[in-house]
Structure formats: C-alpha cells, structure tokens
C-alpha atoms as a PDB file:
ATOM      1  CA  UNK A   1     109.994  79.202  83.053  1.00  0.00           C
ATOM      2  CA  UNK A   2     110.961  77.328  86.187  1.00  0.00           C
ATOM      3  CA  UNK A   3     108.864  74.268  86.965  1.00  0.00           C
ATOM      4  CA  UNK A   4     110.095  74.046  90.542  1.00  0.00           C
ATOM      5  CA  UNK A   5     108.674  75.755  93.611  1.00  0.00           C
ATOM      6  CA  UNK A   6     110.215  76.198  97.058  1.00  0.00           C
ATOM      7  CA  UNK A   7     108.784  76.419 100.551  1.00  0.00           C
ATOM      8  CA  UNK A   8     110.457  77.161 103.872  1.00  0.00           C
ATOM      9  CA  UNK A   9     110.800  74.230 106.275  1.00  0.00           C
ATOM     10  CA  UNK A  10     109.648  76.457 109.144  1.00  0.00           C
ATOM     11  CA  UNK A  11     106.220  76.599 107.478  1.00  0.00           C
ATOM     12  CA  UNK A  12     105.346  73.359 109.239  1.00  0.00           C
ATOM     13  CA  UNK A  13     106.004  74.901 112.651  1.00  0.00           C
ATOM     14  CA  UNK A  14     104.142  78.147 112.074  1.00  0.00           C
ATOM     15  CA  UNK A  15     101.027  78.609 114.189  1.00  0.00           C
ATOM     16  CA  UNK A  16      99.032  79.822 111.210  1.00  0.00           C
ATOM     17  CA  UNK A  17      99.780  76.745 109.095  1.00  0.00           C
ATOM     18  CA  UNK A  18      99.814  74.091 111.813  1.00  0.00           C
ATOM     19  CA  UNK A  19      96.239  74.960 112.826  1.00  0.00           C
ATOM     20  CA  UNK A  20      94.919  74.076 109.365  1.00  0.00           C
ATOM     21  CA  UNK A  21      93.291  70.732 108.571  1.00  0.00           C
ATOM     22  CA  UNK A  22      95.199  68.150 106.559  1.00  0.00           C
ATOM     23  CA  UNK A  23      93.108  68.833 103.463  1.00  0.00           C
ATOM     24  CA  UNK A  24      93.664  72.561 103.752  1.00  0.00           C
ATOM     25  CA  UNK A  25      97.413  72.103 104.080  1.00  0.00           C
ATOM     26  CA  UNK A  26      97.359  69.889 100.994  1.00  0.00           C
ATOM     27  CA  UNK A  27      95.400  72.457  99.008  1.00  0.00           C
ATOM     28  CA  UNK A  28      97.845  75.211 100.010  1.00  0.00           C
ATOM     29  CA  UNK A  29     100.827  73.149  98.853  1.00  0.00           C
ATOM     30  CA  UNK A  30      98.938  72.391  95.655  1.00  0.00           C
ATOM     31  CA  UNK A  31      98.304  76.081  94.988  1.00  0.00           C
ATOM     32  CA  UNK A  32     102.022  76.731  95.428  1.00  0.00           C
ATOM     33  CA  UNK A  33     102.927  74.121  92.824  1.00  0.00           C
ATOM     34  CA  UNK A  34      99.905  73.589  90.551  1.00  0.00           C
ATOM     35  CA  UNK A  35     100.565  73.147  86.829  1.00  0.00           C
ATOM     36  CA  UNK A  36      98.936  76.507  86.120  1.00  0.00           C
ATOM     37  CA  UNK A  37     101.056  78.301  88.753  1.00  0.00           C
ATOM     38  CA  UNK A  38     103.882  80.606  87.754  1.00  0.00           C
ATOM     39  CA  UNK A  39     107.156  82.001  89.202  1.00  0.00           C
ATOM     40  CA  UNK A  40     105.463  85.009  90.854  1.00  0.00           C
ATOM     41  CA  UNK A  41     102.649  83.202  92.686  1.00  0.00           C
ATOM     42  CA  UNK A  42      99.853  85.124  90.964  1.00  0.00           C
ATOM     43  CA  UNK A  43      97.897  83.355  88.241  1.00  0.00           C
ATOM     44  CA  UNK A  44      94.479  82.678  86.736  1.00  0.00           C
ATOM     45  CA  UNK A  45      92.840  79.368  87.628  1.00  0.00           C
ATOM     46  CA  UNK A  46      89.384  77.943  88.254  1.00  0.00           C
ATOM     47  CA  UNK A  47      88.622  75.805  91.262  1.00  0.00           C
ATOM     48  CA  UNK A  48      87.006  72.915  89.345  1.00  0.00           C
ATOM     49  CA  UNK A  49      90.199  72.515  87.316  1.00  0.00           C
ATOM     50  CA  UNK A  50      92.407  72.717  90.394  1.00  0.00           C
ATOM     51  CA  UNK A  51      90.342  70.195  92.330  1.00  0.00           C
ATOM     52  CA  UNK A  52      90.398  67.802  89.357  1.00  0.00           C
ATOM     53  CA  UNK A  53      94.193  68.061  89.150  1.00  0.00           C
ATOM     54  CA  UNK A  54      94.496  67.211  92.855  1.00  0.00           C
ATOM     55  CA  UNK A  55      91.795  64.530  92.486  1.00  0.00           C
ATOM     56  CA  UNK A  56      89.910  66.023  95.402  1.00  0.00           C
ATOM     57  CA  UNK A  57      86.175  66.559  95.173  1.00  0.00           C
ATOM     58  CA  UNK A  58      85.206  70.162  94.434  1.00  0.00           C
ATOM     59  CA  UNK A  59      83.228  70.692  97.651  1.00  0.00           C
ATOM     60  CA  UNK A  60      86.187  69.672  99.829  1.00  0.00           C
ATOM     61  CA  UNK A  61      88.629  71.705  97.739  1.00  0.00           C
ATOM     62  CA  UNK A  62      86.365  74.770  97.892  1.00  0.00           C
ATOM     63  CA  UNK A  63      86.031  74.531 101.693  1.00  0.00           C
ATOM     64  CA  UNK A  64      89.802  74.315 102.143  1.00  0.00           C
ATOM     65  CA  UNK A  65      90.370  77.129  99.656  1.00  0.00           C
ATOM     66  CA  UNK A  66      87.907  79.377 101.512  1.00  0.00           C
ATOM     67  CA  UNK A  67      89.741  78.672 104.787  1.00  0.00           C
ATOM     68  CA  UNK A  68      93.035  79.735 103.207  1.00  0.00           C
ATOM     69  CA  UNK A  69      91.434  82.956 101.979  1.00  0.00           C
ATOM     70  CA  UNK A  70      89.991  83.662 105.440  1.00  0.00           C
ATOM     71  CA  UNK A  71      93.462  83.198 106.944  1.00  0.00           C
ATOM     72  CA  UNK A  72      95.039  85.504 104.326  1.00  0.00           C
ATOM     73  CA  UNK A  73      97.316  82.740 103.075  1.00  0.00           C
ATOM     74  CA  UNK A  74      95.608  83.066  99.708  1.00  0.00           C
ATOM     75  CA  UNK A  75      93.860  85.974  98.022  1.00  0.00           C
ATOM     76  CA  UNK A  76      91.252  85.460  95.310  1.00  0.00           C
ATOM     77  CA  UNK A  77      89.444  87.711  92.861  1.00  0.00           C
ATOM     78  CA  UNK A  78      86.204  85.980  91.821  1.00  0.00           C
ATOM     79  CA  UNK A  79      85.559  88.218  88.833  1.00  0.00           C
ATOM     80  CA  UNK A  80      88.895  87.508  87.136  1.00  0.00           C
ATOM     81  CA  UNK A  81      89.657  84.169  88.855  1.00  0.00           C
ATOM     82  CA  UNK A  82      93.094  85.475  89.814  1.00  0.00           C
ATOM     83  CA  UNK A  83      94.765  83.641  92.693  1.00  0.00           C
ATOM     84  CA  UNK A  84      97.566  85.366  94.620  1.00  0.00           C
ATOM     85  CA  UNK A  85      99.809  83.745  97.235  1.00  0.00           C
ATOM     86  CA  UNK A  86     101.222  86.600  99.368  1.00  0.00           C
ATOM     87  CA  UNK A  87     104.100  84.531 100.782  1.00  0.00           C
ATOM     88  CA  UNK A  88     105.128  82.897  97.503  1.00  0.00           C
ATOM     89  CA  UNK A  89     107.979  85.272  96.627  1.00  0.00           C
ATOM     90  CA  UNK A  90     109.472  85.020 100.101  1.00  0.00           C
ATOM     91  CA  UNK A  91     109.988  81.317  99.348  1.00  0.00           C
ATOM     92  CA  UNK A  92     110.982  81.818  95.709  1.00  0.00           C
ATOM     93  CA  UNK A  93     113.323  84.798  95.398  1.00  0.00           C
ATOM     94  CA  UNK A  94     114.698  85.491  91.911  1.00  0.00           C
ATOM     95  CA  UNK A  95     118.208  84.134  91.374  1.00  0.00           C
ATOM     96  CA  UNK A  96     119.257  86.945  89.025  1.00  0.00           C
ATOM     97  CA  UNK A  97     117.929  89.963  87.058  1.00  0.00           C
ATOM     98  CA  UNK A  98     117.107  87.826  84.012  1.00  0.00           C
ATOM     99  CA  UNK A  99     114.523  85.951  86.049  1.00  0.00           C
ATOM    100  CA  UNK A 100     112.807  89.247  86.840  1.00  0.00           C
ATOM    101  CA  UNK A 101     112.909  90.243  83.170  1.00  0.00           C
ATOM    102  CA  UNK A 102     110.977  87.079  82.340  1.00  0.00           C
ATOM    103  CA  UNK A 103     108.195  88.166  84.697  1.00  0.00           C
ATOM    104  CA  UNK A 104     107.141  90.975  82.353  1.00  0.00           C
ATOM    105  CA  UNK A 105     105.252  88.558  80.089  1.00  0.00           C
ATOM    106  CA  UNK A 106     103.510  87.002  83.098  1.00  0.00           C
ATOM    107  CA  UNK A 107     102.387  90.399  84.338  1.00  0.00           C
ATOM    108  CA  UNK A 108     101.113  91.443  80.924  1.00  0.00           C
ATOM    109  CA  UNK A 109      98.953  88.327  80.736  1.00  0.00           C
ATOM    110  CA  UNK A 110      97.315  88.928  84.121  1.00  0.00           C
ATOM    111  CA  UNK A 111      93.897  90.635  83.964  1.00  0.00           C
ATOM    112  CA  UNK A 112      93.577  94.006  85.681  1.00  0.00           C
ATOM    113  CA  UNK A 113      92.438  93.593  89.287  1.00  0.00           C
ATOM    114  CA  UNK A 114      93.362  94.575  92.838  1.00  0.00           C
ATOM    115  CA  UNK A 115      95.508  91.463  93.214  1.00  0.00           C
ATOM    116  CA  UNK A 116      97.777  92.677  90.444  1.00  0.00           C
ATOM    117  CA  UNK A 117      98.445  95.739  92.582  1.00  0.00           C
ATOM    118  CA  UNK A 118      99.112  93.449  95.552  1.00  0.00           C
ATOM    119  CA  UNK A 119     101.683  91.611  93.419  1.00  0.00           C
ATOM    120  CA  UNK A 120     103.488  94.887  92.696  1.00  0.00           C
ATOM    121  CA  UNK A 121     103.607  95.572  96.441  1.00  0.00           C
ATOM    122  CA  UNK A 122     105.087  92.100  96.926  1.00  0.00           C
ATOM    123  CA  UNK A 123     107.825  92.955  94.423  1.00  0.00           C
ATOM    124  CA  UNK A 124     108.763  95.991  96.516  1.00  0.00           C
ATOM    125  CA  UNK A 125     108.724  94.006  99.753  1.00  0.00           C
ATOM    126  CA  UNK A 126     110.900  91.313  98.191  1.00  0.00           C
ATOM    127  CA  UNK A 127     113.471  93.878  97.035  1.00  0.00           C
ATOM    128  CA  UNK A 128     114.988  94.095 100.506  1.00  0.00           C
ATOM    129  CA  UNK A 129     116.178  90.476 100.196  1.00  0.00           C
ATOM    130  CA  UNK A 130     117.741  90.513  96.720  1.00  0.00           C
ATOM    131  CA  UNK A 131     120.861  91.970  95.115  1.00  0.00           C
ATOM    132  CA  UNK A 132     121.183  95.532  93.859  1.00  0.00           C
ATOM    133  CA  UNK A 133     121.076  94.278  90.257  1.00  0.00           C
ATOM    134  CA  UNK A 134     117.759  92.577  90.977  1.00  0.00           C
ATOM    135  CA  UNK A 135     116.451  95.708  92.731  1.00  0.00           C
ATOM    136  CA  UNK A 136     117.256  97.746  89.644  1.00  0.00           C
ATOM    137  CA  UNK A 137     115.428  95.260  87.426  1.00  0.00           C
ATOM    138  CA  UNK A 138     112.395  95.385  89.719  1.00  0.00           C
ATOM    139  CA  UNK A 139     112.451  99.165  89.409  1.00  0.00           C
ATOM    140  CA  UNK A 140     112.521  98.867  85.598  1.00  0.00           C
ATOM    141  CA  UNK A 141     109.709  96.320  85.619  1.00  0.00           C
ATOM    142  CA  UNK A 142     107.490  98.502  87.799  1.00  0.00           C
ATOM    143  CA  UNK A 143     108.249 101.647  85.829  1.00  0.00           C
ATOM    144  CA  UNK A 144     106.907  99.933  82.689  1.00  0.00           C
ATOM    145  CA  UNK A 145     103.664  99.402  84.577  1.00  0.00           C
ATOM    146  CA  UNK A 146     103.646 103.023  85.722  1.00  0.00           C
ATOM    147  CA  UNK A 147     104.199 101.957  89.332  1.00  0.00           C
ATOM    148  CA  UNK A 148     106.640 103.491  91.843  1.00  0.00           C
ATOM    149  CA  UNK A 149     109.461 101.400  93.274  1.00  0.00           C
ATOM    150  CA  UNK A 150     108.903 101.519  97.035  1.00  0.00           C
ATOM    151  CA  UNK A 151     111.348  99.813  99.351  1.00  0.00           C
ATOM    152  CA  UNK A 152     111.502  99.986 103.114  1.00  0.00           C
ATOM    153  CA  UNK A 153     112.692 103.341 104.352  1.00  0.00           C
ATOM    154  CA  UNK A 154     115.810 101.977 106.030  1.00  0.00           C
ATOM    155  CA  UNK A 155     117.038 100.635 102.669  1.00  0.00           C
ATOM    156  CA  UNK A 156     116.439 103.810 100.656  1.00  0.00           C
ATOM    157  CA  UNK A 157     119.794 105.430 101.450  1.00  0.00           C
ATOM    158  CA  UNK A 158     121.613 102.142 100.923  1.00  0.00           C
ATOM    159  CA  UNK A 159     119.931 101.555  97.559  1.00  0.00           C
ATOM    160  CA  UNK A 160     120.417 105.055  96.170  1.00  0.00           C
ATOM    161  CA  UNK A 161     124.022 105.252  97.358  1.00  0.00           C
ATOM    162  CA  UNK A 162     124.965 101.931  95.804  1.00  0.00           C
ATOM    163  CA  UNK A 163     123.111 102.681  92.580  1.00  0.00           C
ATOM    164  CA  UNK A 164     124.784 106.065  92.120  1.00  0.00           C
ATOM    165  CA  UNK A 165     128.258 104.814  92.911  1.00  0.00           C
ATOM    166  CA  UNK A 166     128.096 101.661  90.826  1.00  0.00           C
ATOM    167  CA  UNK A 167     126.769 103.574  87.823  1.00  0.00           C
ATOM    168  CA  UNK A 168     129.684 105.977  88.171  1.00  0.00           C
ATOM    169  CA  UNK A 169     132.136 103.093  88.327  1.00  0.00           C
ATOM    170  CA  UNK A 170     130.634 101.687  85.115  1.00  0.00           C
ATOM    171  CA  UNK A 171     130.965 105.023  83.315  1.00  0.00           C
ATOM    172  CA  UNK A 172     133.353 104.454  80.441  1.00  0.00           C
ATOM    173  CA  UNK A 173     134.633 108.010  80.656  1.00  0.00           C
ATOM    174  CA  UNK A 174     135.892 107.631  84.214  1.00  0.00           C
ATOM    175  CA  UNK A 175     139.578 106.998  84.752  1.00  0.00           C
ATOM    176  CA  UNK A 176     141.005 103.863  86.317  1.00  0.00           C
ATOM    177  CA  UNK A 177     141.984 105.922  89.365  1.00  0.00           C
ATOM    178  CA  UNK A 178     138.435 107.244  89.803  1.00  0.00           C
ATOM    179  CA  UNK A 179     137.037 103.724  89.529  1.00  0.00           C
ATOM    180  CA  UNK A 180     139.410 102.500  92.222  1.00  0.00           C
ATOM    181  CA  UNK A 181     138.432 105.398  94.488  1.00  0.00           C
ATOM    182  CA  UNK A 182     134.718 104.763  94.069  1.00  0.00           C
ATOM    183  CA  UNK A 183     135.173 101.030  94.653  1.00  0.00           C
ATOM    184  CA  UNK A 184     137.050 101.792  97.857  1.00  0.00           C
ATOM    185  CA  UNK A 185     134.146 103.951  99.034  1.00  0.00           C
ATOM    186  CA  UNK A 186     131.734 101.125  98.278  1.00  0.00           C
ATOM    187  CA  UNK A 187     133.775  98.805 100.479  1.00  0.00           C
ATOM    188  CA  UNK A 188     133.393 101.255 103.369  1.00  0.00           C
ATOM    189  CA  UNK A 189     129.607 101.356 102.983  1.00  0.00           C
ATOM    190  CA  UNK A 190     128.689  99.264 106.060  1.00  0.00           C
ATOM    191  CA  UNK A 191     130.497 101.679 108.386  1.00  0.00           C
ATOM    192  CA  UNK A 192     129.263 104.837 106.713  1.00  0.00           C
ATOM    193  CA  UNK A 193     125.689 103.976 105.867  1.00  0.00           C
ATOM    194  CA  UNK A 194     124.376 101.048 107.833  1.00  0.00           C
ATOM    195  CA  UNK A 195     124.856 102.306 111.391  1.00  0.00           C
ATOM    196  CA  UNK A 196     121.499 104.051 111.448  1.00  0.00           C
ATOM    197  CA  UNK A 197     119.821 100.911 110.134  1.00  0.00           C
ATOM    198  CA  UNK A 198     121.287  98.784 112.911  1.00  0.00           C
ATOM    199  CA  UNK A 199     120.041 101.323 115.436  1.00  0.00           C
ATOM    200  CA  UNK A 200     116.561 101.125 113.880  1.00  0.00           C
ATOM    201  CA  UNK A 201     116.591  97.339 114.104  1.00  0.00           C
ATOM    202  CA  UNK A 202     117.610  97.441 117.766  1.00  0.00           C
ATOM    203  CA  UNK A 203     114.862  99.929 118.593  1.00  0.00           C
ATOM    204  CA  UNK A 204     112.297  97.954 116.613  1.00  0.00           C
ATOM    205  CA  UNK A 205     113.194  94.818 118.568  1.00  0.00           C
ATOM    206  CA  UNK A 206     112.544  96.627 121.849  1.00  0.00           C
ATOM    207  CA  UNK A 207     109.322  98.235 120.627  1.00  0.00           C
ATOM    208  CA  UNK A 208     108.028  94.920 119.276  1.00  0.00           C
ATOM    209  CA  UNK A 209     108.131  93.436 122.799  1.00  0.00           C
ATOM    210  CA  UNK A 210     106.165  96.382 124.149  1.00  0.00           C
ATOM    211  CA  UNK A 211     103.557  95.958 121.423  1.00  0.00           C
ATOM    212  CA  UNK A 212     103.293  92.193 121.987  1.00  0.00           C
ATOM    213  CA  UNK A 213     102.706  92.802 125.702  1.00  0.00           C
ATOM    214  CA  UNK A 214     100.057  95.366 124.775  1.00  0.00           C
ATOM    215  CA  UNK A 215      98.325  92.779 122.561  1.00  0.00           C
ATOM    216  CA  UNK A 216      98.395  90.194 125.351  1.00  0.00           C
ATOM    217  CA  UNK A 217      96.909  92.698 127.764  1.00  0.00           C
ATOM    218  CA  UNK A 218      94.108  93.894 125.487  1.00  0.00           C
ATOM    219  CA  UNK A 219      93.217  90.507 123.960  1.00  0.00           C
ATOM    220  CA  UNK A 220      93.686  88.524 127.170  1.00  0.00           C
ATOM    221  CA  UNK A 221      96.329  86.321 125.541  1.00  0.00           C
ATOM    222  CA  UNK A 222      99.757  84.993 126.498  1.00  0.00           C
ATOM    223  CA  UNK A 223     101.836  85.132 123.316  1.00  0.00           C
ATOM    224  CA  UNK A 224     105.477  84.581 124.113  1.00  0.00           C
ATOM    225  CA  UNK A 225     108.204  86.959 122.859  1.00  0.00           C
ATOM    226  CA  UNK A 226     109.625  84.423 120.409  1.00  0.00           C
ATOM    227  CA  UNK A 227     110.953  85.235 116.952  1.00  0.00           C
ATOM    228  CA  UNK A 228     107.835  83.968 115.182  1.00  0.00           C
ATOM    229  CA  UNK A 229     105.725  86.603 116.979  1.00  0.00           C
ATOM    230  CA  UNK A 230     108.232  89.439 117.235  1.00  0.00           C
ATOM    231  CA  UNK A 231     109.554  89.313 113.659  1.00  0.00           C
ATOM    232  CA  UNK A 232     106.170  90.257 112.199  1.00  0.00           C
ATOM    233  CA  UNK A 233     105.836  93.262 114.489  1.00  0.00           C
ATOM    234  CA  UNK A 234     109.426  94.343 113.868  1.00  0.00           C
ATOM    235  CA  UNK A 235     108.775  94.139 110.137  1.00  0.00           C
ATOM    236  CA  UNK A 236     105.884  96.567 110.370  1.00  0.00           C
ATOM    237  CA  UNK A 237     107.920  98.971 112.509  1.00  0.00           C
ATOM    238  CA  UNK A 238     110.846  98.860 110.098  1.00  0.00           C
ATOM    239  CA  UNK A 239     108.514  99.490 107.167  1.00  0.00           C
ATOM    240  CA  UNK A 240     107.463 102.798 108.720  1.00  0.00           C
ATOM    241  CA  UNK A 241     104.604 102.021 111.114  1.00  0.00           C
ATOM    242  CA  UNK A 242     104.751 103.698 114.522  1.00  0.00           C
ATOM    243  CA  UNK A 243     104.187 102.077 117.882  1.00  0.00           C
ATOM    244  CA  UNK A 244     101.067 104.203 118.275  1.00  0.00           C
ATOM    245  CA  UNK A 245      99.646 102.915 114.982  1.00  0.00           C
ATOM    246  CA  UNK A 246     100.327  99.322 116.019  1.00  0.00           C
ATOM    247  CA  UNK A 247      98.504  99.865 119.289  1.00  0.00           C
ATOM    248  CA  UNK A 248      95.596 101.549 117.498  1.00  0.00           C
ATOM    249  CA  UNK A 249      95.234  98.568 115.174  1.00  0.00           C
ATOM    250  CA  UNK A 250      95.226  96.212 118.157  1.00  0.00           C
ATOM    251  CA  UNK A 251      92.590  98.242 119.999  1.00  0.00           C
ATOM    252  CA  UNK A 252      90.347  98.476 116.944  1.00  0.00           C
ATOM    253  CA  UNK A 253      90.477  94.761 116.190  1.00  0.00           C
ATOM    254  CA  UNK A 254      89.967  93.821 119.827  1.00  0.00           C
ATOM    255  CA  UNK A 255      86.824  95.964 119.872  1.00  0.00           C
ATOM    256  CA  UNK A 256      85.567  94.388 116.646  1.00  0.00           C
ATOM    257  CA  UNK A 257      86.448  90.742 117.300  1.00  0.00           C
ATOM    258  CA  UNK A 258      86.509  90.110 121.052  1.00  0.00           C
ATOM    259  CA  UNK A 259      82.813  89.125 121.210  1.00  0.00           C
ATOM    260  CA  UNK A 260      82.866  87.187 117.932  1.00  0.00           C
ATOM    261  CA  UNK A 261      83.660  83.542 118.642  1.00  0.00           C
ATOM    262  CA  UNK A 262      84.898  82.952 115.093  1.00  0.00           C
ATOM    263  CA  UNK A 263      87.007  86.088 114.736  1.00  0.00           C
ATOM    264  CA  UNK A 264      88.581  86.474 118.165  1.00  0.00           C
ATOM    265  CA  UNK A 265      91.004  83.626 117.455  1.00  0.00           C
ATOM    266  CA  UNK A 266      92.594  85.971 114.872  1.00  0.00           C
ATOM    267  CA  UNK A 267      93.678  88.402 117.580  1.00  0.00           C
ATOM    268  CA  UNK A 268      97.214  87.141 117.109  1.00  0.00           C
ATOM    269  CA  UNK A 269     100.462  88.511 115.678  1.00  0.00           C
ATOM    270  CA  UNK A 270     100.314  86.245 112.620  1.00  0.00           C
ATOM    271  CA  UNK A 271      97.063  87.862 111.494  1.00  0.00           C
ATOM    272  CA  UNK A 272      97.314  91.418 112.816  1.00  0.00           C
ATOM    273  CA  UNK A 273     100.880  92.063 111.679  1.00  0.00           C
ATOM    274  CA  UNK A 274     101.024  90.191 108.391  1.00  0.00           C
ATOM    275  CA  UNK A 275     102.108  92.889 105.936  1.00  0.00           C
ATOM    276  CA  UNK A 276      99.049  92.784 103.670  1.00  0.00           C
ATOM    277  CA  UNK A 277      96.588  92.621 106.580  1.00  0.00           C
ATOM    278  CA  UNK A 278      98.264  95.370 108.566  1.00  0.00           C
ATOM    279  CA  UNK A 279      98.179  97.829 105.662  1.00  0.00           C
ATOM    280  CA  UNK A 280      94.452  97.195 105.314  1.00  0.00           C
ATOM    281  CA  UNK A 281      93.908  97.745 109.035  1.00  0.00           C
ATOM    282  CA  UNK A 282      95.904 100.985 108.879  1.00  0.00           C
ATOM    283  CA  UNK A 283      93.667 102.122 106.048  1.00  0.00           C
ATOM    284  CA  UNK A 284      90.663 101.516 108.254  1.00  0.00           C
ATOM    285  CA  UNK A 285      92.226 103.759 110.902  1.00  0.00           C
ATOM    286  CA  UNK A 286      92.624 106.539 108.337  1.00  0.00           C
ATOM    287  CA  UNK A 287      88.956 106.285 107.454  1.00  0.00           C
ATOM    288  CA  UNK A 288      88.012 106.578 111.112  1.00  0.00           C
ATOM    289  CA  UNK A 289      90.287 109.588 111.613  1.00  0.00           C
ATOM    290  CA  UNK A 290      88.979 111.306 108.498  1.00  0.00           C
ATOM    291  CA  UNK A 291      85.480 111.261 109.891  1.00  0.00           C
END
C-alpha cells in the first residue's frame, strides 16, 4: 500500500481553500496524509486519535474539522466514524489496474454507510481520467459490490467502442490480418468518435458563461469567467445536467441563503457546482417537483 499522498499545487490558489484558517488548512493536509489514511481517501478514524497525531488540542482540531465538513471538503459519518475526502482521488489517480485491484480489500473493510456509496461515485467520476485498462478494473471492482459502472455520457461511446475492439484484437482465434484491421480502426478513433464530444465541450463552455452570469445576477455577485469558476459548471453540464437545472439550483439556493449571513457566502461556483453538492441540490429539486 502506498505511503505517499499527492495534492495539486493549484489547491493553494483555490478560493475555497485560501479562505480557510491556517489551522484548518493544516488539518485538511493532515487528513490527506494521516497514518490511518489509505489510497482511496475513505477510512475509519476518530478525532481524538487524529488530533493526538498532529499534536493539536482536540477542541481546535474539532473546530477545523467541522469547518472542512461545512465546506464539503470532508464528509464524515459519526455513527461509523468514516471520513471521506471527495477530492482525494483527483489528486491520487491509480497508476495501473493492479492498484485498483488492491482497493478491494480496503472497500471490504469499510463499514456500510452512505459515504461508501459516495466513494463508489468517486470511482466512476475518476474513470474519465484513467486508461481503458483501469476503467475496466473499476467496472470489475464495482460489479463485485453490485454497483453499476457509470461514466460521463460523453465517454460512454468511447469506452464501449474501445472495449469491444480491444477484446476482439485479443481474441486468440482472430487472424493476424483481422487484428491489423481492428488496430487500424482504433487508430482512427479520434476522427470517428470524438467529434461529438468536442462539440459538447464547446457548447458547455458557452453555456457555463451564461450560467455564471445568471448566478452573478441572482446572487448579486461579480464572479469572473475564469477557469476556476467555469470548469466546475462545465463539468456538471458534461455530466448530463441541463442549463435549466443549473439555473433552478441557483434560484433555489439564492432563496434559501440570501438572508442568512452565514450561508450566503456559499452562493459561489465552488460550492454550488461541486459534483457531490450539485447532485444533492438536484435531488432537492426532484422532491419539490414531486410535490
């Protein structure tokens, strides 16, 4: 099991992280690399033990930990004492399929709770950034848990096409000529398959600016159309959310938080369009519509 953890340098420039106190930043870095942590960023730990390891008094550690939970940088299940770091896998992608195989033991040792389900969702989200071999291993891992392998819609055709063709190439009964033909088709994949994806990305980039302007208008803010703000919105659009749903989430949260001095500061892209938060907010919209 790897005893090293990675973080992205841009973390220090992110609005969400830079607004934290020094102690809270320290606690977050500690949670990423604590001795009880593991390669998937989801583990069982108690706060007294963590604070003792950092040599920080429990009251201070608890206050910083609670702030991280409130900002969705950390998720915590009190009943099982499971800690989940939603961004951990984005910093620590698996190097090869064998790494993912080793995760099975970690998953089996985790107690059943909602955060275990959140971890499975993180596996699916991570799949877009790893090789096909790793995607296949993630699919195997999830199937053992009885969970579906969900990847972003724009990658579905790419994934299924590659998987089918590569399996055919590996078929021992296929002739050398057939293998060469299939390999040639694989090499033409960007032209044949990825055009629609590039179109989706271009449209998402345009729509993200419209949505950011809508947020500024409704929340009386002035967020600039920089990559840090737009990338989150684009990510939600590319994962299947519509512009209308994004606007509905904004309107609902503005209504709920605009008069709350503590909560209105979270009317920002980093909170509203973080993947885990946004899915929860969408679920709230469904409940409203069902009534």
